[in-house]
Amino acid sequence: MGARNDAIGRVTVSIDDGTKHDLRLADLLLLHGLRATFYIPKDGPRELTPAQLRGLDNAFEIGSHGVSHVELTTLPPDAVRSELRDSKTWLEETLGHEIQAFCYPFGRFTHEIAALVASEGYACARTCQLNRRDVPQDPYLMAMTTDACAHSRRAQLRHGIRERNLRGLLAYVSTYRLERDWEVHFTRALRVVARRGGIAHLVVHSAEIDERGEWEKLDRALGVAAATTLRPATNTEACLGTS
């Protein structure tokens, strides 16, 4: 791996849950030449078959999303370890190579759980802390910039306070001006990262995109990202600064 360079602006996309609509999203990412990480639970909402996962793995990074897609903060430590270890083992046996990235189901984590993720051999882990563009100092606390969902301002503030995401809350006010339209929000993030460096990180649940009929909107957003000077990266590459 190369040396970390926080000044390089990168763009990355996360896709959670492994539903059938992820295949349509993968086609869009390939069309625009973007890199991404698909977080796949062993059970839970996953619909993709092992063969389909191997197809995705040929072009993108696959990360773990636990075994049963349960909030890890509700489990005792031994059960958390099982979720982390068994999901990693399953994906590695399915794909034939090491899995580096993990995503906390529902974004819920503690520092103790993050330490368990590290101890199980993952290189990084993604949270659901919003409105962030910084390359994480702790690779097991990777934040995100934009969620492809129109969250209410009250929900943004509530989650920011609960997650102690002061940096994200400040950016939500000063940079994103309480913007609710996720396409506008992500476009602003791309511009800021192009000027100042860091990571423009879009998180997508493709089933929600399909339910809301937002495929054209997502296509536009990915097209804007591809047209920037930002370097496309997987979550692991962006988090560790190695793309």
C-alpha atoms as a PDB file:
ATOM      1  CA  MET A   1       0.000   0.000   0.000  1.00  0.00           C
ATOM      2  CA  GLY A   2       1.108   3.514  -0.715  1.00  0.00           C
ATOM      3  CA  ALA A   3       1.630   6.340   1.737  1.00  0.00           C
ATOM      4  CA  ARG A   4      -1.439   8.061   3.103  1.00  0.00           C
ATOM      5  CA  ASN A   5      -2.198  11.480   1.609  1.00  0.00           C
ATOM      6  CA  ASP A   6      -5.076  13.320   3.270  1.00  0.00           C
ATOM      7  CA  ALA A   7      -4.844  16.285   0.870  1.00  0.00           C
ATOM      8  CA  ILE A   8      -5.978  14.232  -2.136  1.00  0.00           C
ATOM      9  CA  GLY A   9      -9.697  14.569  -2.724  1.00  0.00           C
ATOM     10  CA  ARG A  10     -11.453  11.224  -3.106  1.00  0.00           C
ATOM     11  CA  VAL A  11     -14.983  10.156  -3.904  1.00  0.00           C
ATOM     12  CA  THR A  12     -16.412   6.873  -2.647  1.00  0.00           C
ATOM     13  CA  VAL A  13     -19.808   5.221  -2.522  1.00  0.00           C
ATOM     14  CA  SER A  14     -21.201   2.746   0.027  1.00  0.00           C
ATOM     15  CA  ILE A  15     -24.104   0.438  -0.774  1.00  0.00           C
ATOM     16  CA  ASP A  16     -25.713  -1.405   2.136  1.00  0.00           C
ATOM     17  CA  ASP A  17     -27.671  -4.654   2.548  1.00  0.00           C
ATOM     18  CA  GLY A  18     -27.141  -6.693  -0.644  1.00  0.00           C
ATOM     19  CA  THR A  19     -30.664  -6.378  -2.073  1.00  0.00           C
ATOM     20  CA  LYS A  20     -31.427  -7.250  -5.708  1.00  0.00           C
ATOM     21  CA  HIS A  21     -31.439  -3.575  -6.730  1.00  0.00           C
ATOM     22  CA  ASP A  22     -27.714  -3.404  -5.957  1.00  0.00           C
ATOM     23  CA  LEU A  23     -27.088  -4.964  -9.375  1.00  0.00           C
ATOM     24  CA  ARG A  24     -28.761  -2.013 -11.115  1.00  0.00           C
ATOM     25  CA  LEU A  25     -26.705   0.363  -8.989  1.00  0.00           C
ATOM     26  CA  ALA A  26     -23.517  -1.523  -9.895  1.00  0.00           C
ATOM     27  CA  ASP A  27     -24.295  -0.943 -13.580  1.00  0.00           C
ATOM     28  CA  LEU A  28     -24.596   2.805 -12.934  1.00  0.00           C
ATOM     29  CA  LEU A  29     -21.303   2.875 -11.058  1.00  0.00           C
ATOM     30  CA  LEU A  30     -19.559   1.069 -13.906  1.00  0.00           C
ATOM     31  CA  LEU A  31     -21.111   3.452 -16.430  1.00  0.00           C
ATOM     32  CA  HIS A  32     -19.666   6.429 -14.566  1.00  0.00           C
ATOM     33  CA  GLY A  33     -16.317   4.819 -13.753  1.00  0.00           C
ATOM     34  CA  LEU A  34     -16.761   5.077  -9.979  1.00  0.00           C
ATOM     35  CA  ARG A  35     -15.488   2.750  -7.277  1.00  0.00           C
ATOM     36  CA  ALA A  36     -17.591   1.587  -4.346  1.00  0.00           C
ATOM     37  CA  THR A  37     -17.978  -0.810  -1.442  1.00  0.00           C
ATOM     38  CA  PHE A  38     -21.002  -3.097  -1.145  1.00  0.00           C
ATOM     39  CA  TYR A  39     -21.710  -4.108   2.466  1.00  0.00           C
ATOM     40  CA  ILE A  40     -23.333  -7.521   2.577  1.00  0.00           C
ATOM     41  CA  PRO A  41     -24.945  -9.288   5.570  1.00  0.00           C
ATOM     42  CA  LYS A  42     -24.928 -13.081   5.573  1.00  0.00           C
ATOM     43  CA  ASP A  43     -28.650 -13.179   6.382  1.00  0.00           C
ATOM     44  CA  GLY A  44     -31.096 -10.370   7.114  1.00  0.00           C
ATOM     45  CA  PRO A  45     -32.090  -8.288   4.074  1.00  0.00           C
ATOM     46  CA  ARG A  46     -29.616  -9.909   1.647  1.00  0.00           C
ATOM     47  CA  GLU A  47     -31.125 -11.083  -1.635  1.00  0.00           C
ATOM     48  CA  LEU A  48     -28.011 -11.509  -3.778  1.00  0.00           C
ATOM     49  CA  THR A  49     -26.768 -15.041  -4.380  1.00  0.00           C
ATOM     50  CA  PRO A  50     -23.151 -16.126  -3.866  1.00  0.00           C
ATOM     51  CA  ALA A  51     -22.696 -16.135  -7.655  1.00  0.00           C
ATOM     52  CA  GLN A  52     -23.994 -12.553  -7.887  1.00  0.00           C
ATOM     53  CA  LEU A  53     -21.687 -11.493  -5.060  1.00  0.00           C
ATOM     54  CA  ARG A  54     -18.726 -12.949  -6.930  1.00  0.00           C
ATOM     55  CA  GLY A  55     -19.789 -10.945  -9.971  1.00  0.00           C
ATOM     56  CA  LEU A  56     -19.876  -7.728  -7.924  1.00  0.00           C
ATOM     57  CA  ASP A  57     -16.532  -8.617  -6.402  1.00  0.00           C
ATOM     58  CA  ASN A  58     -14.926  -8.554  -9.842  1.00  0.00           C
ATOM     59  CA  ALA A  59     -15.461  -4.798 -10.092  1.00  0.00           C
ATOM     60  CA  PHE A  60     -16.006  -3.488  -6.560  1.00  0.00           C
ATOM     61  CA  GLU A  61     -15.045  -4.006  -2.934  1.00  0.00           C
ATOM     62  CA  ILE A  62     -17.240  -6.264  -0.834  1.00  0.00           C
ATOM     63  CA  GLY A  63     -17.433  -5.572   2.892  1.00  0.00           C
ATOM     64  CA  SER A  64     -19.136  -7.297   5.802  1.00  0.00           C
ATOM     65  CA  HIS A  65     -22.412  -6.080   7.308  1.00  0.00           C
ATOM     66  CA  GLY A  66     -22.646  -8.731  10.022  1.00  0.00           C
ATOM     67  CA  VAL A  67     -24.417 -12.074  10.014  1.00  0.00           C
ATOM     68  CA  SER A  68     -27.986 -11.191  10.960  1.00  0.00           C
ATOM     69  CA  HIS A  69     -27.985  -7.403  10.380  1.00  0.00           C
ATOM     70  CA  VAL A  70     -28.682  -6.765  14.050  1.00  0.00           C
ATOM     71  CA  GLU A  71     -27.660  -3.707  16.074  1.00  0.00           C
ATOM     72  CA  LEU A  72     -24.387  -4.770  17.670  1.00  0.00           C
ATOM     73  CA  THR A  73     -24.956  -2.481  20.657  1.00  0.00           C
ATOM     74  CA  THR A  74     -27.824  -4.760  21.725  1.00  0.00           C
ATOM     75  CA  LEU A  75     -25.584  -7.843  21.962  1.00  0.00           C
ATOM     76  CA  PRO A  76     -23.107  -9.121  24.562  1.00  0.00           C
ATOM     77  CA  PRO A  77     -19.421  -9.107  23.525  1.00  0.00           C
ATOM     78  CA  ASP A  78     -19.301 -12.808  22.620  1.00  0.00           C
ATOM     79  CA  ALA A  79     -22.272 -12.414  20.273  1.00  0.00           C
ATOM     80  CA  VAL A  80     -20.674  -9.343  18.699  1.00  0.00           C
ATOM     81  CA  ARG A  81     -17.530 -11.352  18.046  1.00  0.00           C
ATOM     82  CA  SER A  82     -19.599 -14.066  16.386  1.00  0.00           C
ATOM     83  CA  GLU A  83     -21.332 -11.524  14.156  1.00  0.00           C
ATOM     84  CA  LEU A  84     -17.976 -10.088  13.111  1.00  0.00           C
ATOM     85  CA  ARG A  85     -16.076 -13.332  12.736  1.00  0.00           C
ATOM     86  CA  ASP A  86     -18.751 -15.503  11.132  1.00  0.00           C
ATOM     87  CA  SER A  87     -19.742 -12.889   8.542  1.00  0.00           C
ATOM     88  CA  LYS A  88     -16.093 -12.329   7.601  1.00  0.00           C
ATOM     89  CA  THR A  89     -15.469 -16.063   7.299  1.00  0.00           C
ATOM     90  CA  TRP A  90     -18.579 -16.555   5.166  1.00  0.00           C
ATOM     91  CA  LEU A  91     -17.648 -13.789   2.738  1.00  0.00           C
ATOM     92  CA  GLU A  92     -14.031 -14.915   2.510  1.00  0.00           C
ATOM     93  CA  GLU A  93     -15.106 -18.468   1.737  1.00  0.00           C
ATOM     94  CA  THR A  94     -17.630 -17.183  -0.819  1.00  0.00           C
ATOM     95  CA  LEU A  95     -15.222 -14.826  -2.578  1.00  0.00           C
ATOM     96  CA  GLY A  96     -11.893 -16.547  -2.020  1.00  0.00           C
ATOM     97  CA  HIS A  97      -9.974 -13.623  -0.563  1.00  0.00           C
ATOM     98  CA  GLU A  98      -9.618 -11.482   2.556  1.00  0.00           C
ATOM     99  CA  ILE A  99     -12.369  -9.055   3.565  1.00  0.00           C
ATOM    100  CA  GLN A 100     -11.079  -5.741   4.905  1.00  0.00           C
ATOM    101  CA  ALA A 101     -14.120  -3.491   5.411  1.00  0.00           C
ATOM    102  CA  PHE A 102     -16.990  -3.649   7.895  1.00  0.00           C
ATOM    103  CA  CYS A 103     -20.117  -1.516   8.252  1.00  0.00           C
ATOM    104  CA  TYR A 104     -21.940  -1.271  11.594  1.00  0.00           C
ATOM    105  CA  PRO A 105     -25.575  -2.348  11.066  1.00  0.00           C
ATOM    106  CA  PHE A 106     -27.854   0.684  11.511  1.00  0.00           C
ATOM    107  CA  GLY A 107     -24.682   2.684  12.180  1.00  0.00           C
ATOM    108  CA  ARG A 108     -24.743   1.816  15.874  1.00  0.00           C
ATOM    109  CA  PHE A 109     -21.397   1.245  17.566  1.00  0.00           C
ATOM    110  CA  THR A 110     -19.368   1.872  20.694  1.00  0.00           C
ATOM    111  CA  HIS A 111     -15.613   2.242  21.067  1.00  0.00           C
ATOM    112  CA  GLU A 112     -15.574  -1.212  22.629  1.00  0.00           C
ATOM    113  CA  ILE A 113     -17.279  -2.658  19.541  1.00  0.00           C
ATOM    114  CA  ALA A 114     -14.859  -0.787  17.279  1.00  0.00           C
ATOM    115  CA  ALA A 115     -11.997  -2.424  19.167  1.00  0.00           C
ATOM    116  CA  LEU A 116     -13.575  -5.832  18.552  1.00  0.00           C
ATOM    117  CA  VAL A 117     -13.806  -5.059  14.820  1.00  0.00           C
ATOM    118  CA  ALA A 118     -10.079  -4.347  14.820  1.00  0.00           C
ATOM    119  CA  SER A 119      -9.304  -7.513  16.768  1.00  0.00           C
ATOM    120  CA  GLU A 120     -11.181  -9.644  14.229  1.00  0.00           C
ATOM    121  CA  GLY A 121      -8.846  -8.576  11.431  1.00  0.00           C
ATOM    122  CA  TYR A 122     -10.773  -5.873   9.605  1.00  0.00           C
ATOM    123  CA  ALA A 123      -8.812  -2.886   8.293  1.00  0.00           C
ATOM    124  CA  CYS A 124     -11.593  -0.301   8.662  1.00  0.00           C
ATOM    125  CA  ALA A 125     -15.247   0.172   9.582  1.00  0.00           C
ATOM    126  CA  ARG A 126     -17.899   2.635   8.434  1.00  0.00           C
ATOM    127  CA  THR A 127     -20.300   4.421  10.749  1.00  0.00           C
ATOM    128  CA  CYS A 128     -23.383   6.489   9.867  1.00  0.00           C
ATOM    129  CA  GLN A 129     -21.997   9.797  11.121  1.00  0.00           C
ATOM    130  CA  LEU A 130     -23.166  12.325   8.527  1.00  0.00           C
ATOM    131  CA  ASN A 131     -21.865  15.540   6.953  1.00  0.00           C
ATOM    132  CA  ARG A 132     -18.192  14.618   7.247  1.00  0.00           C
ATOM    133  CA  ARG A 133     -15.383  14.838   4.684  1.00  0.00           C
ATOM    134  CA  ASP A 134     -12.372  14.129   6.909  1.00  0.00           C
ATOM    135  CA  VAL A 135     -10.095  11.145   6.430  1.00  0.00           C
ATOM    136  CA  PRO A 136     -10.609   9.347   9.778  1.00  0.00           C
ATOM    137  CA  GLN A 137      -7.805   9.299  12.307  1.00  0.00           C
ATOM    138  CA  ASP A 138      -9.301   6.043  13.571  1.00  0.00           C
ATOM    139  CA  PRO A 139     -10.023   3.750  10.580  1.00  0.00           C
ATOM    140  CA  TYR A 140     -12.750   1.985  12.585  1.00  0.00           C
ATOM    141  CA  LEU A 141     -14.752   5.199  12.841  1.00  0.00           C
ATOM    142  CA  MET A 142     -15.104   6.143   9.183  1.00  0.00           C
ATOM    143  CA  ALA A 143     -17.848   8.717   8.699  1.00  0.00           C
ATOM    144  CA  MET A 144     -19.904   9.578   5.615  1.00  0.00           C
ATOM    145  CA  THR A 145     -20.857  12.770   3.851  1.00  0.00           C
ATOM    146  CA  THR A 146     -24.300  12.224   2.362  1.00  0.00           C
ATOM    147  CA  ASP A 147     -27.038   9.639   2.816  1.00  0.00           C
ATOM    148  CA  ALA A 148     -29.178   9.219  -0.320  1.00  0.00           C
ATOM    149  CA  CYS A 149     -32.314   9.878   1.693  1.00  0.00           C
ATOM    150  CA  ALA A 150     -34.166  13.087   2.571  1.00  0.00           C
ATOM    151  CA  HIS A 151     -33.703  13.164   6.352  1.00  0.00           C
ATOM    152  CA  SER A 152     -35.617  15.794   8.270  1.00  0.00           C
ATOM    153  CA  ARG A 153     -33.579  18.534   9.926  1.00  0.00           C
ATOM    154  CA  ARG A 154     -34.809  17.308  13.293  1.00  0.00           C
ATOM    155  CA  ALA A 155     -33.536  13.797  12.534  1.00  0.00           C
ATOM    156  CA  GLN A 156     -30.174  15.190  11.441  1.00  0.00           C
ATOM    157  CA  LEU A 157     -29.802  17.118  14.672  1.00  0.00           C
ATOM    158  CA  ARG A 158     -31.023  14.216  16.835  1.00  0.00           C
ATOM    159  CA  HIS A 159     -28.610  11.720  15.293  1.00  0.00           C
ATOM    160  CA  GLY A 160     -25.724  14.176  15.398  1.00  0.00           C
ATOM    161  CA  ILE A 161     -26.235  14.773  19.105  1.00  0.00           C
ATOM    162  CA  ARG A 162     -26.721  11.082  19.911  1.00  0.00           C
ATOM    163  CA  GLU A 163     -23.583  10.116  17.995  1.00  0.00           C
ATOM    164  CA  ARG A 164     -21.600  13.063  19.413  1.00  0.00           C
ATOM    165  CA  ASN A 165     -20.874  14.105  15.853  1.00  0.00           C
ATOM    166  CA  LEU A 166     -20.154  17.767  16.559  1.00  0.00           C
ATOM    167  CA  ARG A 167     -18.020  18.181  13.448  1.00  0.00           C
ATOM    168  CA  GLY A 168     -20.842  16.866  11.300  1.00  0.00           C
ATOM    169  CA  LEU A 169     -23.446  19.069  12.960  1.00  0.00           C
ATOM    170  CA  LEU A 170     -21.333  22.170  12.398  1.00  0.00           C
ATOM    171  CA  ALA A 171     -20.846  21.247   8.746  1.00  0.00           C
ATOM    172  CA  TYR A 172     -24.571  20.566   8.358  1.00  0.00           C
ATOM    173  CA  VAL A 173     -25.245  24.161   9.339  1.00  0.00           C
ATOM    174  CA  SER A 174     -22.260  26.011   7.862  1.00  0.00           C
ATOM    175  CA  THR A 175     -21.495  24.017   4.711  1.00  0.00           C
ATOM    176  CA  TYR A 176     -24.765  22.293   3.821  1.00  0.00           C
ATOM    177  CA  ARG A 177     -27.079  25.021   5.191  1.00  0.00           C
ATOM    178  CA  LEU A 178     -29.560  22.493   6.580  1.00  0.00           C
ATOM    179  CA  GLU A 179     -30.084  21.081   3.086  1.00  0.00           C
ATOM    180  CA  ARG A 180     -32.599  18.193   2.895  1.00  0.00           C
ATOM    181  CA  ASP A 181     -32.272  17.309  -0.797  1.00  0.00           C
ATOM    182  CA  TRP A 182     -29.561  14.658  -0.819  1.00  0.00           C
ATOM    183  CA  GLU A 183     -28.555  15.337  -4.436  1.00  0.00           C
ATOM    184  CA  VAL A 184     -27.901  19.008  -3.673  1.00  0.00           C
ATOM    185  CA  HIS A 185     -26.136  18.020  -0.446  1.00  0.00           C
ATOM    186  CA  PHE A 186     -23.805  15.592  -2.226  1.00  0.00           C
ATOM    187  CA  THR A 187     -23.053  18.080  -5.013  1.00  0.00           C
ATOM    188  CA  ARG A 188     -21.934  20.599  -2.382  1.00  0.00           C
ATOM    189  CA  ALA A 189     -19.797  17.931  -0.746  1.00  0.00           C
ATOM    190  CA  LEU A 190     -18.075  17.194  -4.048  1.00  0.00           C
ATOM    191  CA  ARG A 191     -17.241  20.868  -4.515  1.00  0.00           C
ATOM    192  CA  VAL A 192     -15.896  21.266  -0.992  1.00  0.00           C
ATOM    193  CA  VAL A 193     -13.718  18.167  -1.218  1.00  0.00           C
ATOM    194  CA  ALA A 194     -12.407  19.262  -4.626  1.00  0.00           C
ATOM    195  CA  ARG A 195     -11.248  22.533  -3.020  1.00  0.00           C
ATOM    196  CA  ARG A 196     -10.100  21.350   0.384  1.00  0.00           C
ATOM    197  CA  GLY A 197      -9.362  17.629   0.146  1.00  0.00           C
ATOM    198  CA  GLY A 198     -10.806  14.758   2.132  1.00  0.00           C
ATOM    199  CA  ILE A 199     -13.552  12.312   1.154  1.00  0.00           C
ATOM    200  CA  ALA A 200     -16.907  12.866  -0.547  1.00  0.00           C
ATOM    201  CA  HIS A 201     -18.776   9.764   0.602  1.00  0.00           C
ATOM    202  CA  LEU A 202     -22.273   8.887  -0.607  1.00  0.00           C
ATOM    203  CA  VAL A 203     -24.180   6.077   1.132  1.00  0.00           C
ATOM    204  CA  VAL A 204     -27.012   4.383  -0.778  1.00  0.00           C
ATOM    205  CA  HIS A 205     -29.690   1.814  -0.001  1.00  0.00           C
ATOM    206  CA  SER A 206     -30.691   0.767  -3.505  1.00  0.00           C
ATOM    207  CA  ALA A 207     -34.039  -0.666  -2.378  1.00  0.00           C
ATOM    208  CA  GLU A 208     -34.981   2.790  -1.074  1.00  0.00           C
ATOM    209  CA  ILE A 209     -33.903   4.398  -4.361  1.00  0.00           C
ATOM    210  CA  ASP A 210     -36.161   1.981  -6.220  1.00  0.00           C
ATOM    211  CA  GLU A 211     -39.074   2.489  -3.829  1.00  0.00           C
ATOM    212  CA  ARG A 212     -38.878   6.281  -4.236  1.00  0.00           C
ATOM    213  CA  GLY A 213     -38.290   6.133  -8.000  1.00  0.00           C
ATOM    214  CA  GLU A 214     -35.012   8.045  -7.713  1.00  0.00           C
ATOM    215  CA  TRP A 215     -32.846   6.200 -10.237  1.00  0.00           C
ATOM    216  CA  GLU A 216     -32.568   9.222 -12.544  1.00  0.00           C
ATOM    217  CA  LYS A 217     -31.641  11.382  -9.574  1.00  0.00           C
ATOM    218  CA  LEU A 218     -28.963   8.908  -8.515  1.00  0.00           C
ATOM    219  CA  ASP A 219     -27.669   8.716 -12.093  1.00  0.00           C
ATOM    220  CA  ARG A 220     -27.283  12.515 -12.141  1.00  0.00           C
ATOM    221  CA  ALA A 221     -25.487  12.558  -8.789  1.00  0.00           C
ATOM    222  CA  LEU A 222     -23.037   9.862  -9.876  1.00  0.00           C
ATOM    223  CA  GLY A 223     -22.478  11.695 -13.146  1.00  0.00           C
ATOM    224  CA  VAL A 224     -21.553  14.872 -11.269  1.00  0.00           C
ATOM    225  CA  ALA A 225     -19.156  12.877  -9.084  1.00  0.00           C
ATOM    226  CA  ALA A 226     -17.521  11.284 -12.117  1.00  0.00           C
ATOM    227  CA  ALA A 227     -17.050  14.686 -13.767  1.00  0.00           C
ATOM    228  CA  THR A 228     -15.003  16.073 -10.880  1.00  0.00           C
ATOM    229  CA  THR A 229     -11.239  15.822 -10.444  1.00  0.00           C
ATOM    230  CA  LEU A 230     -11.721  13.664  -7.354  1.00  0.00           C
ATOM    231  CA  ARG A 231     -10.057  10.257  -7.282  1.00  0.00           C
ATOM    232  CA  PRO A 232     -12.544   7.339  -7.251  1.00  0.00           C
ATOM    233  CA  ALA A 233     -11.886   4.971  -4.339  1.00  0.00           C
ATOM    234  CA  THR A 234     -13.381   2.080  -2.438  1.00  0.00           C
ATOM    235  CA  ASN A 235     -14.210   2.714   1.217  1.00  0.00           C
ATOM    236  CA  THR A 236     -11.010   0.992   2.322  1.00  0.00           C
ATOM    237  CA  GLU A 237      -8.868   2.952  -0.130  1.00  0.00           C
ATOM    238  CA  ALA A 238     -10.474   6.241   0.900  1.00  0.00           C
ATOM    239  CA  CYS A 239     -10.315   5.481   4.628  1.00  0.00           C
ATOM    240  CA  LEU A 240      -6.657   4.426   4.571  1.00  0.00           C
ATOM    241  CA  GLY A 241      -5.662   7.008   1.955  1.00  0.00           C
ATOM    242  CA  THR A 242      -4.172   4.411  -0.386  1.00  0.00           C
ATOM    243  CA  SER A 243      -6.002   4.908  -3.690  1.00  0.00           C
END
